[in-house]
Structures are given as C-alpha cells and as structure tokens.
C-alpha cells in the first residue's frame, strides 16, 4: 500500500502544483508552486471562488475545477 500511497501523493502534488500555477496566473496570487495545499493556497482558492461567485470554502472541488476550465482573464 505504501507505493500506491506515494504515487497518489505524487499525483496530488503535481495537481496542486498545476492549481498553484493556475491561481498565480488567474488571480496573481504569487504562490510557491510547491505542491502543498497550505493556508496560502486555500486562501487563493477562496479568492478565486469569490471571483467566480462560487461557494467559498477554500477547497478546490468539481465546481471550482469547472470554473477554472472556463476562466478567462
């Protein structure tokens, strides 16, 4: 199970890095693209959610993803 867990974490880390890059581009959040879903990333997601008139919970779920795909500056 450990190898699997590591792969999942690595995959998640990559996804979070992509998210951080997106937020830096979309809202100029200046996040470190470190693949860690910390407080700053959560705050940036909340700002993005408020911009897109989504429920603000700081979690990048399906609705946020959909909004991100449609997002243009």
PDB file of N, CA and C in Angstrom:
ATOM      1  N   UNK A   1       0.813  -1.209   0.000  1.00  0.00           N
ATOM      2  CA  UNK A   1       0.000   0.000   0.000  1.00  0.00           C
ATOM      3  C   UNK A   1       0.849   1.263   0.000  1.00  0.00           C
ATOM      4  N   UNK A   2       2.099   1.147   0.472  1.00  0.00           N
ATOM      5  CA  UNK A   2       2.941   2.333   0.565  1.00  0.00           C
ATOM      6  C   UNK A   2       3.297   2.948  -0.786  1.00  0.00           C
ATOM      7  N   UNK A   3       3.634   2.055  -1.729  1.00  0.00           N
ATOM      8  CA  UNK A   3       3.989   2.532  -3.070  1.00  0.00           C
ATOM      9  C   UNK A   3       2.786   3.251  -3.678  1.00  0.00           C
ATOM     10  N   UNK A   4       1.621   2.632  -3.522  1.00  0.00           N
ATOM     11  CA  UNK A   4       0.396   3.231  -4.044  1.00  0.00           C
ATOM     12  C   UNK A   4       0.164   4.608  -3.417  1.00  0.00           C
ATOM     13  N   UNK A   5       0.316   4.651  -2.094  1.00  0.00           N
ATOM     14  CA  UNK A   5       0.106   5.912  -1.385  1.00  0.00           C
ATOM     15  C   UNK A   5       1.072   6.986  -1.888  1.00  0.00           C
ATOM     16  N   UNK A   6       2.310   6.577  -2.092  1.00  0.00           N
ATOM     17  CA  UNK A   6       3.314   7.536  -2.583  1.00  0.00           C
ATOM     18  C   UNK A   6       2.936   8.046  -3.964  1.00  0.00           C
ATOM     19  N   UNK A   7       2.462   7.154  -4.823  1.00  0.00           N
ATOM     20  CA  UNK A   7       2.080   7.561  -6.179  1.00  0.00           C
ATOM     21  C   UNK A   7       0.897   8.518  -6.136  1.00  0.00           C
ATOM     22  N   UNK A   8      -0.056   8.220  -5.280  1.00  0.00           N
ATOM     23  CA  UNK A   8      -1.215   9.090  -5.143  1.00  0.00           C
ATOM     24  C   UNK A   8      -0.768  10.466  -4.660  1.00  0.00           C
ATOM     25  N   UNK A   9       0.111  10.466  -3.673  1.00  0.00           N
ATOM     26  CA  UNK A   9       0.609  11.741  -3.150  1.00  0.00           C
ATOM     27  C   UNK A   9       1.381  12.504  -4.217  1.00  0.00           C
ATOM     28  N   UNK A  10       2.183  11.784  -4.997  1.00  0.00           N
ATOM     29  CA  UNK A  10       2.943  12.435  -6.055  1.00  0.00           C
ATOM     30  C   UNK A  10       1.989  13.020  -7.098  1.00  0.00           C
ATOM     31  N   UNK A  11       0.973  12.251  -7.431  1.00  0.00           N
ATOM     32  CA  UNK A  11      -0.037  12.719  -8.379  1.00  0.00           C
ATOM     33  C   UNK A  11      -0.749  13.944  -7.835  1.00  0.00           C
ATOM     34  N   UNK A  12      -1.085  13.889  -6.558  1.00  0.00           N
ATOM     35  CA  UNK A  12      -1.776  15.008  -5.916  1.00  0.00           C
ATOM     36  C   UNK A  12      -0.862  16.226  -5.887  1.00  0.00           C
ATOM     37  N   UNK A  13       0.408  15.994  -5.583  1.00  0.00           N
ATOM     38  CA  UNK A  13       1.382  17.088  -5.538  1.00  0.00           C
ATOM     39  C   UNK A  13       1.447  17.785  -6.900  1.00  0.00           C
ATOM     40  N   UNK A  14       1.480  16.989  -7.964  1.00  0.00           N
ATOM     41  CA  UNK A  14       1.511  17.547  -9.319  1.00  0.00           C
ATOM     42  C   UNK A  14       0.247  18.353  -9.610  1.00  0.00           C
ATOM     43  N   UNK A  15      -0.897  17.801  -9.204  1.00  0.00           N
ATOM     44  CA  UNK A  15      -2.167  18.507  -9.416  1.00  0.00           C
ATOM     45  C   UNK A  15      -2.182  19.833  -8.657  1.00  0.00           C
ATOM     46  N   UNK A  16      -1.671  19.811  -7.436  1.00  0.00           N
ATOM     47  CA  UNK A  16      -1.647  21.029  -6.625  1.00  0.00           C
ATOM     48  C   UNK A  16      -0.684  22.047  -7.232  1.00  0.00           C
ATOM     49  N   UNK A  17       0.445  21.572  -7.756  1.00  0.00           N
ATOM     50  CA  UNK A  17       1.372  22.482  -8.441  1.00  0.00           C
ATOM     51  C   UNK A  17       0.677  23.147  -9.620  1.00  0.00           C
ATOM     52  N   UNK A  18      -0.085  22.353 -10.387  1.00  0.00           N
ATOM     53  CA  UNK A  18      -0.829  22.910 -11.523  1.00  0.00           C
ATOM     54  C   UNK A  18      -1.846  23.944 -11.045  1.00  0.00           C
ATOM     55  N   UNK A  19      -2.521  23.608  -9.954  1.00  0.00           N
ATOM     56  CA  UNK A  19      -3.502  24.518  -9.367  1.00  0.00           C
ATOM     57  C   UNK A  19      -2.819  25.819  -8.937  1.00  0.00           C
ATOM     58  N   UNK A  20      -1.666  25.692  -8.278  1.00  0.00           N
ATOM     59  CA  UNK A  20      -0.944  26.880  -7.813  1.00  0.00           C
ATOM     60  C   UNK A  20      -0.506  27.751  -8.991  1.00  0.00           C
ATOM     61  N   UNK A  21      -0.027  27.121 -10.053  1.00  0.00           N
ATOM     62  CA  UNK A  21       0.369  27.870 -11.252  1.00  0.00           C
ATOM     63  C   UNK A  21      -0.852  28.578 -11.829  1.00  0.00           C
ATOM     64  N   UNK A  22      -1.963  27.873 -11.873  1.00  0.00           N
ATOM     65  CA  UNK A  22      -3.195  28.459 -12.397  1.00  0.00           C
ATOM     66  C   UNK A  22      -3.618  29.670 -11.576  1.00  0.00           C
ATOM     67  N   UNK A  23      -3.606  29.526 -10.253  1.00  0.00           N
ATOM     68  CA  UNK A  23      -4.017  30.626  -9.370  1.00  0.00           C
ATOM     69  C   UNK A  23      -3.074  31.818  -9.508  1.00  0.00           C
ATOM     70  N   UNK A  24      -1.789  31.537  -9.665  1.00  0.00           N
ATOM     71  CA  UNK A  24      -0.830  32.619  -9.872  1.00  0.00           C
ATOM     72  C   UNK A  24      -1.162  33.388 -11.146  1.00  0.00           C
ATOM     73  N   UNK A  25      -1.543  32.650 -12.174  1.00  0.00           N
ATOM     74  CA  UNK A  25      -1.904  33.277 -13.443  1.00  0.00           C
ATOM     75  C   UNK A  25      -3.260  33.982 -13.327  1.00  0.00           C
ATOM     76  N   UNK A  26      -4.235  33.268 -12.782  1.00  0.00           N
ATOM     77  CA  UNK A  26      -5.615  33.753 -12.798  1.00  0.00           C
ATOM     78  C   UNK A  26      -5.836  34.953 -11.884  1.00  0.00           C
ATOM     79  N   UNK A  27      -5.286  34.885 -10.672  1.00  0.00           N
ATOM     80  CA  UNK A  27      -5.560  35.964  -9.712  1.00  0.00           C
ATOM     81  C   UNK A  27      -4.282  36.600  -9.182  1.00  0.00           C
ATOM     82  N   UNK A  28      -3.148  36.268  -9.806  1.00  0.00           N
ATOM     83  CA  UNK A  28      -1.871  36.854  -9.407  1.00  0.00           C
ATOM     84  C   UNK A  28      -1.516  36.584  -7.952  1.00  0.00           C
ATOM     85  N   UNK A  29      -1.713  35.329  -7.537  1.00  0.00           N
ATOM     86  CA  UNK A  29      -1.584  35.029  -6.104  1.00  0.00           C
ATOM     87  C   UNK A  29      -0.151  34.843  -5.595  1.00  0.00           C
ATOM     88  N   UNK A  30       0.835  34.766  -6.513  1.00  0.00           N
ATOM     89  CA  UNK A  30       2.247  34.637  -6.103  1.00  0.00           C
ATOM     90  C   UNK A  30       2.502  33.478  -5.127  1.00  0.00           C
ATOM     91  N   UNK A  31       1.863  32.364  -5.361  1.00  0.00           N
ATOM     92  CA  UNK A  31       2.087  31.184  -4.522  1.00  0.00           C
ATOM     93  C   UNK A  31       3.394  30.511  -4.913  1.00  0.00           C
ATOM     94  N   UNK A  32       4.048  29.879  -3.950  1.00  0.00           N
ATOM     95  CA  UNK A  32       5.145  28.976  -4.282  1.00  0.00           C
ATOM     96  C   UNK A  32       4.496  27.750  -4.898  1.00  0.00           C
ATOM     97  N   UNK A  33       4.969  27.323  -6.061  1.00  0.00           N
ATOM     98  CA  UNK A  33       4.391  26.112  -6.642  1.00  0.00           C
ATOM     99  C   UNK A  33       5.130  24.915  -6.062  1.00  0.00           C
ATOM    100  N   UNK A  34       4.764  24.610  -4.810  1.00  0.00           N
ATOM    101  CA  UNK A  34       5.461  23.545  -4.074  1.00  0.00           C
ATOM    102  C   UNK A  34       4.614  22.284  -3.941  1.00  0.00           C
ATOM    103  N   UNK A  35       3.411  22.310  -4.498  1.00  0.00           N
ATOM    104  CA  UNK A  35       2.568  21.123  -4.438  1.00  0.00           C
ATOM    105  C   UNK A  35       1.982  20.854  -3.066  1.00  0.00           C
ATOM    106  N   UNK A  36       2.049  21.841  -2.179  1.00  0.00           N
ATOM    107  CA  UNK A  36       1.459  21.678  -0.842  1.00  0.00           C
ATOM    108  C   UNK A  36       0.205  22.526  -0.742  1.00  0.00           C
ATOM    109  N   UNK A  37      -0.872  21.890  -0.302  1.00  0.00           N
ATOM    110  CA  UNK A  37      -2.137  22.610  -0.187  1.00  0.00           C
ATOM    111  C   UNK A  37      -2.200  23.264   1.189  1.00  0.00           C
ATOM    112  N   UNK A  38      -1.458  24.338   1.335  1.00  0.00           N
ATOM    113  CA  UNK A  38      -1.394  25.028   2.622  1.00  0.00           C
ATOM    114  C   UNK A  38      -2.381  26.172   2.708  1.00  0.00           C
ATOM    115  N   UNK A  39      -2.192  26.964   3.744  1.00  0.00           N
ATOM    116  CA  UNK A  39      -3.092  28.069   4.027  1.00  0.00           C
ATOM    117  C   UNK A  39      -3.155  29.078   2.882  1.00  0.00           C
ATOM    118  N   UNK A  40      -1.993  29.416   2.312  1.00  0.00           N
ATOM    119  CA  UNK A  40      -1.954  30.407   1.234  1.00  0.00           C
ATOM    120  C   UNK A  40      -2.691  29.912   0.003  1.00  0.00           C
ATOM    121  N   UNK A  41      -2.524  28.628  -0.301  1.00  0.00           N
ATOM    122  CA  UNK A  41      -3.217  28.060  -1.456  1.00  0.00           C
ATOM    123  C   UNK A  41      -4.716  28.064  -1.198  1.00  0.00           C
ATOM    124  N   UNK A  42      -5.100  27.697   0.011  1.00  0.00           N
ATOM    125  CA  UNK A  42      -6.513  27.692   0.386  1.00  0.00           C
ATOM    126  C   UNK A  42      -7.107  29.101   0.265  1.00  0.00           C
ATOM    127  N   UNK A  43      -6.364  30.102   0.742  1.00  0.00           N
ATOM    128  CA  UNK A  43      -6.812  31.490   0.625  1.00  0.00           C
ATOM    129  C   UNK A  43      -6.986  31.885  -0.837  1.00  0.00           C
ATOM    130  N   UNK A  44      -6.019  31.496  -1.660  1.00  0.00           N
ATOM    131  CA  UNK A  44      -6.075  31.831  -3.082  1.00  0.00           C
ATOM    132  C   UNK A  44      -7.289  31.173  -3.732  1.00  0.00           C
ATOM    133  N   UNK A  45      -7.562  29.924  -3.364  1.00  0.00           N
ATOM    134  CA  UNK A  45      -8.736  29.230  -3.887  1.00  0.00           C
ATOM    135  C   UNK A  45     -10.001  29.977  -3.474  1.00  0.00           C
ATOM    136  N   UNK A  46     -10.044  30.439  -2.221  1.00  0.00           N
ATOM    137  CA  UNK A  46     -11.203  31.210  -1.747  1.00  0.00           C
ATOM    138  C   UNK A  46     -11.403  32.480  -2.567  1.00  0.00           C
ATOM    139  N   UNK A  47     -10.315  33.168  -2.874  1.00  0.00           N
ATOM    140  CA  UNK A  47     -10.407  34.384  -3.694  1.00  0.00           C
ATOM    141  C   UNK A  47     -10.933  34.031  -5.079  1.00  0.00           C
ATOM    142  N   UNK A  48     -10.386  32.959  -5.642  1.00  0.00           N
ATOM    143  CA  UNK A  48     -10.843  32.506  -6.959  1.00  0.00           C
ATOM    144  C   UNK A  48     -12.336  32.176  -6.912  1.00  0.00           C
ATOM    145  N   UNK A  49     -12.760  31.476  -5.864  1.00  0.00           N
ATOM    146  CA  UNK A  49     -14.169  31.110  -5.727  1.00  0.00           C
ATOM    147  C   UNK A  49     -15.050  32.356  -5.632  1.00  0.00           C
ATOM    148  N   UNK A  50     -14.609  33.358  -4.900  1.00  0.00           N
ATOM    149  CA  UNK A  50     -15.423  34.561  -4.776  1.00  0.00           C
ATOM    150  C   UNK A  50     -15.510  35.292  -6.117  1.00  0.00           C
ATOM    151  N   UNK A  51     -14.409  35.311  -6.862  1.00  0.00           N
ATOM    152  CA  UNK A  51     -14.401  35.905  -8.204  1.00  0.00           C
ATOM    153  C   UNK A  51     -15.401  35.223  -9.119  1.00  0.00           C
ATOM    154  N   UNK A  52     -15.528  33.914  -8.957  1.00  0.00           N
ATOM    155  CA  UNK A  52     -16.399  33.123  -9.834  1.00  0.00           C
ATOM    156  C   UNK A  52     -17.784  32.926  -9.224  1.00  0.00           C
ATOM    157  N   UNK A  53     -18.079  33.630  -8.164  1.00  0.00           N
ATOM    158  CA  UNK A  53     -19.382  33.556  -7.491  1.00  0.00           C
ATOM    159  C   UNK A  53     -19.721  32.127  -7.051  1.00  0.00           C
ATOM    160  N   UNK A  54     -18.693  31.419  -6.599  1.00  0.00           N
ATOM    161  CA  UNK A  54     -18.911  30.058  -6.087  1.00  0.00           C
ATOM    162  C   UNK A  54     -19.000  30.119  -4.573  1.00  0.00           C
ATOM    163  N   UNK A  55     -19.467  29.003  -3.991  1.00  0.00           N
ATOM    164  CA  UNK A  55     -19.442  28.892  -2.531  1.00  0.00           C
ATOM    165  C   UNK A  55     -17.978  28.916  -2.106  1.00  0.00           C
ATOM    166  N   UNK A  56     -17.667  29.768  -1.138  1.00  0.00           N
ATOM    167  CA  UNK A  56     -16.280  29.926  -0.725  1.00  0.00           C
ATOM    168  C   UNK A  56     -15.961  28.976   0.429  1.00  0.00           C
ATOM    169  N   UNK A  57     -15.176  27.944   0.113  1.00  0.00           N
ATOM    170  CA  UNK A  57     -14.785  27.000   1.173  1.00  0.00           C
ATOM    171  C   UNK A  57     -13.282  26.723   1.143  1.00  0.00           C
ATOM    172  N   UNK A  58     -12.586  27.311   0.185  1.00  0.00           N
ATOM    173  CA  UNK A  58     -11.141  27.100   0.108  1.00  0.00           C
ATOM    174  C   UNK A  58     -10.738  25.725  -0.380  1.00  0.00           C
ATOM    175  N   UNK A  59     -11.722  24.927  -0.781  1.00  0.00           N
ATOM    176  CA  UNK A  59     -11.425  23.584  -1.291  1.00  0.00           C
ATOM    177  C   UNK A  59     -11.659  23.593  -2.796  1.00  0.00           C
ATOM    178  N   UNK A  60     -10.697  23.072  -3.518  1.00  0.00           N
ATOM    179  CA  UNK A  60     -10.794  23.094  -4.972  1.00  0.00           C
ATOM    180  C   UNK A  60     -11.512  21.839  -5.441  1.00  0.00           C
ATOM    181  N   UNK A  61     -12.833  21.898  -5.479  1.00  0.00           N
ATOM    182  CA  UNK A  61     -13.643  20.747  -5.872  1.00  0.00           C
ATOM    183  C   UNK A  61     -14.109  20.844  -7.317  1.00  0.00           C
ATOM    184  N   UNK A  62     -15.123  20.052  -7.634  1.00  0.00           N
ATOM    185  CA  UNK A  62     -15.606  19.940  -9.011  1.00  0.00           C
ATOM    186  C   UNK A  62     -16.091  21.278  -9.581  1.00  0.00           C
ATOM    187  N   UNK A  63     -16.812  22.057  -8.786  1.00  0.00           N
ATOM    188  CA  UNK A  63     -17.326  23.338  -9.281  1.00  0.00           C
ATOM    189  C   UNK A  63     -16.197  24.318  -9.553  1.00  0.00           C
ATOM    190  N   UNK A  64     -15.213  24.322  -8.662  1.00  0.00           N
ATOM    191  CA  UNK A  64     -14.056  25.196  -8.862  1.00  0.00           C
ATOM    192  C   UNK A  64     -13.284  24.779 -10.114  1.00  0.00           C
ATOM    193  N   UNK A  65     -13.160  23.475 -10.308  1.00  0.00           N
ATOM    194  CA  UNK A  65     -12.454  22.962 -11.470  1.00  0.00           C
ATOM    195  C   UNK A  65     -13.171  23.380 -12.747  1.00  0.00           C
ATOM    196  N   UNK A  66     -14.483  23.255 -12.740  1.00  0.00           N
ATOM    197  CA  UNK A  66     -15.282  23.649 -13.904  1.00  0.00           C
ATOM    198  C   UNK A  66     -15.092  25.139 -14.182  1.00  0.00           C
ATOM    199  N   UNK A  67     -15.140  25.950 -13.118  1.00  0.00           N
ATOM    200  CA  UNK A  67     -14.949  27.395 -13.267  1.00  0.00           C
ATOM    201  C   UNK A  67     -13.549  27.699 -13.793  1.00  0.00           C
ATOM    202  N   UNK A  68     -12.561  26.939 -13.319  1.00  0.00           N
ATOM    203  CA  UNK A  68     -11.185  27.151 -13.766  1.00  0.00           C
ATOM    204  C   UNK A  68     -11.046  26.864 -15.250  1.00  0.00           C
ATOM    205  N   UNK A  69     -11.738  25.838 -15.724  1.00  0.00           N
ATOM    206  CA  UNK A  69     -11.646  25.468 -17.139  1.00  0.00           C
ATOM    207  C   UNK A  69     -12.276  26.532 -18.027  1.00  0.00           C
ATOM    208  N   UNK A  70     -13.293  27.211 -17.498  1.00  0.00           N
ATOM    209  CA  UNK A  70     -13.984  28.245 -18.270  1.00  0.00           C
ATOM    210  C   UNK A  70     -13.392  29.628 -18.049  1.00  0.00           C
ATOM    211  N   UNK A  71     -12.460  29.721 -17.114  1.00  0.00           N
ATOM    212  CA  UNK A  71     -11.960  31.012 -16.683  1.00  0.00           C
ATOM    213  C   UNK A  71     -11.141  31.698 -17.758  1.00  0.00           C
ATOM    214  N   UNK A  72     -11.400  32.974 -17.951  1.00  0.00           N
ATOM    215  CA  UNK A  72     -10.517  33.768 -18.803  1.00  0.00           C
ATOM    216  C   UNK A  72     -10.369  35.136 -18.150  1.00  0.00           C
ATOM    217  N   UNK A  73      -9.200  35.712 -18.312  1.00  0.00           N
ATOM    218  CA  UNK A  73      -8.918  36.985 -17.664  1.00  0.00           C
ATOM    219  C   UNK A  73      -9.490  38.113 -18.499  1.00  0.00           C
TER     220      UNK A  73
END
